[in-house]
Amino acid sequence: MAKDVKITLRVNAELRAAFSAAALLEGQTAANMLREFMRAYVDQSCERFQSGASGPISPAERRRREEAVNFARASIGLEGLKPSETVEVATCKFINGEISLANFLRSTHSTLTT
């Protein structure tokens, strides 16, 4: 069984008091409510990851993805390799935020190993 750990958060005193009061109205302690929120967030994150939807991305994230892809293209180009059309299509979808990194890797892995 995993060992519990302690997390310390800095919050405004008024926010802490209001949160504690709201939790008590729900019949919960603030700590229990925070644990529930954390579990819900993890569950939602896992669902998004498994569905493959990475959601809308910011212009900065799009640039970061494009720079990473260009670096990878240059790296494989130095080896004399060229990405297949299937990989390029998946690459564009990843850069534009249409698929997650996990789905990008899944979709390109089969083309690299065959």
C-alpha atoms as a PDB file:
ATOM      1  CA  MET A   1       0.000   0.000   0.000  1.00  0.00           C
ATOM      2  CA  ALA A   2       1.276   3.458  -0.898  1.00  0.00           C
ATOM      3  CA  LYS A   3       2.410   5.694   1.910  1.00  0.00           C
ATOM      4  CA  ASP A   4       0.499   8.955   2.389  1.00  0.00           C
ATOM      5  CA  VAL A   5       2.443  12.172   2.005  1.00  0.00           C
ATOM      6  CA  LYS A   6       1.756  15.676   3.213  1.00  0.00           C
ATOM      7  CA  ILE A   7       1.227  18.642   0.867  1.00  0.00           C
ATOM      8  CA  THR A   8       1.576  22.199   2.086  1.00  0.00           C
ATOM      9  CA  LEU A   9      -0.243  24.954   0.196  1.00  0.00           C
ATOM     10  CA  ARG A  10      -0.050  28.692   0.591  1.00  0.00           C
ATOM     11  CA  VAL A  11      -3.449  30.328   0.209  1.00  0.00           C
ATOM     12  CA  ASN A  12      -5.025  33.593   1.228  1.00  0.00           C
ATOM     13  CA  ALA A  13      -6.464  33.359   4.768  1.00  0.00           C
ATOM     14  CA  GLU A  14      -9.888  34.496   3.555  1.00  0.00           C
ATOM     15  CA  LEU A  15      -9.946  31.850   0.820  1.00  0.00           C
ATOM     16  CA  ARG A  16      -8.944  29.152   3.307  1.00  0.00           C
ATOM     17  CA  ALA A  17     -11.690  30.181   5.739  1.00  0.00           C
ATOM     18  CA  ALA A  18     -14.315  30.343   2.989  1.00  0.00           C
ATOM     19  CA  PHE A  19     -13.254  26.967   1.579  1.00  0.00           C
ATOM     20  CA  SER A  20     -13.327  25.345   5.027  1.00  0.00           C
ATOM     21  CA  ALA A  21     -16.788  26.782   5.692  1.00  0.00           C
ATOM     22  CA  ALA A  22     -18.080  25.591   2.309  1.00  0.00           C
ATOM     23  CA  ALA A  23     -16.660  22.121   2.939  1.00  0.00           C
ATOM     24  CA  LEU A  24     -18.369  21.979   6.327  1.00  0.00           C
ATOM     25  CA  LEU A  25     -21.681  22.866   4.668  1.00  0.00           C
ATOM     26  CA  GLU A  26     -21.136  19.754   2.534  1.00  0.00           C
ATOM     27  CA  GLY A  27     -20.411  17.703   5.651  1.00  0.00           C
ATOM     28  CA  GLN A  28     -16.742  17.366   4.707  1.00  0.00           C
ATOM     29  CA  THR A  29     -13.426  18.621   5.948  1.00  0.00           C
ATOM     30  CA  ALA A  30     -11.391  20.902   3.705  1.00  0.00           C
ATOM     31  CA  ALA A  31      -8.729  18.180   3.435  1.00  0.00           C
ATOM     32  CA  ASN A  32     -11.286  15.601   2.253  1.00  0.00           C
ATOM     33  CA  MET A  33     -12.670  18.035  -0.313  1.00  0.00           C
ATOM     34  CA  LEU A  34      -9.178  18.732  -1.657  1.00  0.00           C
ATOM     35  CA  ARG A  35      -8.522  14.995  -1.974  1.00  0.00           C
ATOM     36  CA  GLU A  36     -11.810  14.594  -3.867  1.00  0.00           C
ATOM     37  CA  PHE A  37     -10.920  17.480  -6.197  1.00  0.00           C
ATOM     38  CA  MET A  38      -7.497  15.973  -6.832  1.00  0.00           C
ATOM     39  CA  ARG A  39      -8.982  12.547  -7.646  1.00  0.00           C
ATOM     40  CA  ALA A  40     -11.552  14.111  -9.985  1.00  0.00           C
ATOM     41  CA  TYR A  41      -8.841  16.090 -11.779  1.00  0.00           C
ATOM     42  CA  VAL A  42      -6.681  12.993 -12.221  1.00  0.00           C
ATOM     43  CA  ASP A  43      -9.681  11.043 -13.551  1.00  0.00           C
ATOM     44  CA  GLN A  44     -10.550  13.812 -16.040  1.00  0.00           C
ATOM     45  CA  SER A  45      -6.937  14.082 -17.143  1.00  0.00           C
ATOM     46  CA  CYS A  46      -6.739  10.328 -17.729  1.00  0.00           C
ATOM     47  CA  GLU A  47      -9.976  10.412 -19.742  1.00  0.00           C
ATOM     48  CA  ARG A  48      -8.633  13.204 -21.966  1.00  0.00           C
ATOM     49  CA  PHE A  49      -5.366  11.329 -22.427  1.00  0.00           C
ATOM     50  CA  GLN A  50      -7.097   8.057 -23.289  1.00  0.00           C
ATOM     51  CA  SER A  51      -9.502   9.707 -25.710  1.00  0.00           C
ATOM     52  CA  GLY A  52      -6.562  11.255 -27.522  1.00  0.00           C
ATOM     53  CA  ALA A  53      -8.046  14.731 -27.524  1.00  0.00           C
ATOM     54  CA  SER A  54      -5.473  17.223 -26.461  1.00  0.00           C
ATOM     55  CA  GLY A  55      -7.936  20.087 -26.741  1.00  0.00           C
ATOM     56  CA  PRO A  56      -7.307  23.592 -27.964  1.00  0.00           C
ATOM     57  CA  ILE A  57      -3.688  24.645 -27.709  1.00  0.00           C
ATOM     58  CA  SER A  58      -2.187  28.083 -27.347  1.00  0.00           C
ATOM     59  CA  PRO A  59      -0.121  29.709 -30.089  1.00  0.00           C
ATOM     60  CA  ALA A  60       2.944  29.276 -27.852  1.00  0.00           C
ATOM     61  CA  GLU A  61       2.245  25.537 -27.484  1.00  0.00           C
ATOM     62  CA  ARG A  62       1.778  25.222 -31.244  1.00  0.00           C
ATOM     63  CA  ARG A  63       5.160  26.922 -31.811  1.00  0.00           C
ATOM     64  CA  ARG A  64       6.790  24.653 -29.230  1.00  0.00           C
ATOM     65  CA  ARG A  65       5.395  21.571 -30.966  1.00  0.00           C
ATOM     66  CA  GLU A  66       6.438  22.823 -34.374  1.00  0.00           C
ATOM     67  CA  GLU A  67       9.997  23.533 -33.164  1.00  0.00           C
ATOM     68  CA  ALA A  68      10.222  20.056 -31.623  1.00  0.00           C
ATOM     69  CA  VAL A  69       8.991  18.436 -34.831  1.00  0.00           C
ATOM     70  CA  ASN A  70      11.407  20.472 -36.965  1.00  0.00           C
ATOM     71  CA  PHE A  71      14.267  19.421 -34.706  1.00  0.00           C
ATOM     72  CA  ALA A  72      13.223  15.766 -35.083  1.00  0.00           C
ATOM     73  CA  ARG A  73      12.954  16.141 -38.856  1.00  0.00           C
ATOM     74  CA  ALA A  74      16.452  17.615 -38.990  1.00  0.00           C
ATOM     75  CA  SER A  75      17.809  14.828 -36.781  1.00  0.00           C
ATOM     76  CA  ILE A  76      16.437  12.016 -38.922  1.00  0.00           C
ATOM     77  CA  GLY A  77      17.461  13.934 -42.051  1.00  0.00           C
ATOM     78  CA  LEU A  78      21.067  13.770 -40.861  1.00  0.00           C
ATOM     79  CA  GLU A  79      20.685   9.990 -40.879  1.00  0.00           C
ATOM     80  CA  GLY A  80      19.481  10.100 -44.470  1.00  0.00           C
ATOM     81  CA  LEU A  81      15.889   9.248 -43.546  1.00  0.00           C
ATOM     82  CA  LYS A  82      12.654  10.919 -44.578  1.00  0.00           C
ATOM     83  CA  PRO A  83       9.281  10.665 -42.763  1.00  0.00           C
ATOM     84  CA  SER A  84       6.537   8.790 -44.601  1.00  0.00           C
ATOM     85  CA  GLU A  85       3.378  10.560 -45.751  1.00  0.00           C
ATOM     86  CA  THR A  86       1.476   8.880 -42.902  1.00  0.00           C
ATOM     87  CA  VAL A  87       3.932  10.298 -40.371  1.00  0.00           C
ATOM     88  CA  GLU A  88       3.692  13.775 -41.923  1.00  0.00           C
ATOM     89  CA  VAL A  89      -0.120  13.723 -41.707  1.00  0.00           C
ATOM     90  CA  ALA A  90       0.024  12.675 -38.039  1.00  0.00           C
ATOM     91  CA  THR A  91       2.700  15.326 -37.428  1.00  0.00           C
ATOM     92  CA  CYS A  92       0.442  18.091 -38.738  1.00  0.00           C
ATOM     93  CA  LYS A  93      -2.422  16.856 -36.557  1.00  0.00           C
ATOM     94  CA  PHE A  94      -0.151  16.858 -33.499  1.00  0.00           C
ATOM     95  CA  ILE A  95       1.207  20.351 -34.225  1.00  0.00           C
ATOM     96  CA  ASN A  96      -2.337  21.690 -34.613  1.00  0.00           C
ATOM     97  CA  GLY A  97      -3.538  20.064 -31.374  1.00  0.00           C
ATOM     98  CA  GLU A  98      -5.890  17.629 -33.102  1.00  0.00           C
ATOM     99  CA  ILE A  99      -4.252  14.605 -31.454  1.00  0.00           C
ATOM    100  CA  SER A 100      -2.291  14.096 -28.263  1.00  0.00           C
ATOM    101  CA  LEU A 101       1.378  13.203 -28.105  1.00  0.00           C
ATOM    102  CA  ALA A 102       0.432   9.671 -27.041  1.00  0.00           C
ATOM    103  CA  ASN A 103      -1.800   9.202 -30.093  1.00  0.00           C
ATOM    104  CA  PHE A 104       0.818  10.771 -32.351  1.00  0.00           C
ATOM    105  CA  LEU A 105       3.413   8.297 -31.108  1.00  0.00           C
ATOM    106  CA  ARG A 106       0.950   5.409 -31.384  1.00  0.00           C
ATOM    107  CA  SER A 107       0.027   6.317 -34.956  1.00  0.00           C
ATOM    108  CA  THR A 108       3.628   6.756 -36.093  1.00  0.00           C
ATOM    109  CA  HIS A 109       5.131   3.800 -34.220  1.00  0.00           C
ATOM    110  CA  SER A 110       3.597   1.202 -36.526  1.00  0.00           C
ATOM    111  CA  THR A 111       4.944   2.979 -39.599  1.00  0.00           C
ATOM    112  CA  LEU A 112       8.445   3.121 -38.137  1.00  0.00           C
ATOM    113  CA  THR A 113       8.637  -0.521 -37.131  1.00  0.00           C
ATOM    114  CA  THR A 114       7.330  -2.103 -40.340  1.00  0.00           C
END
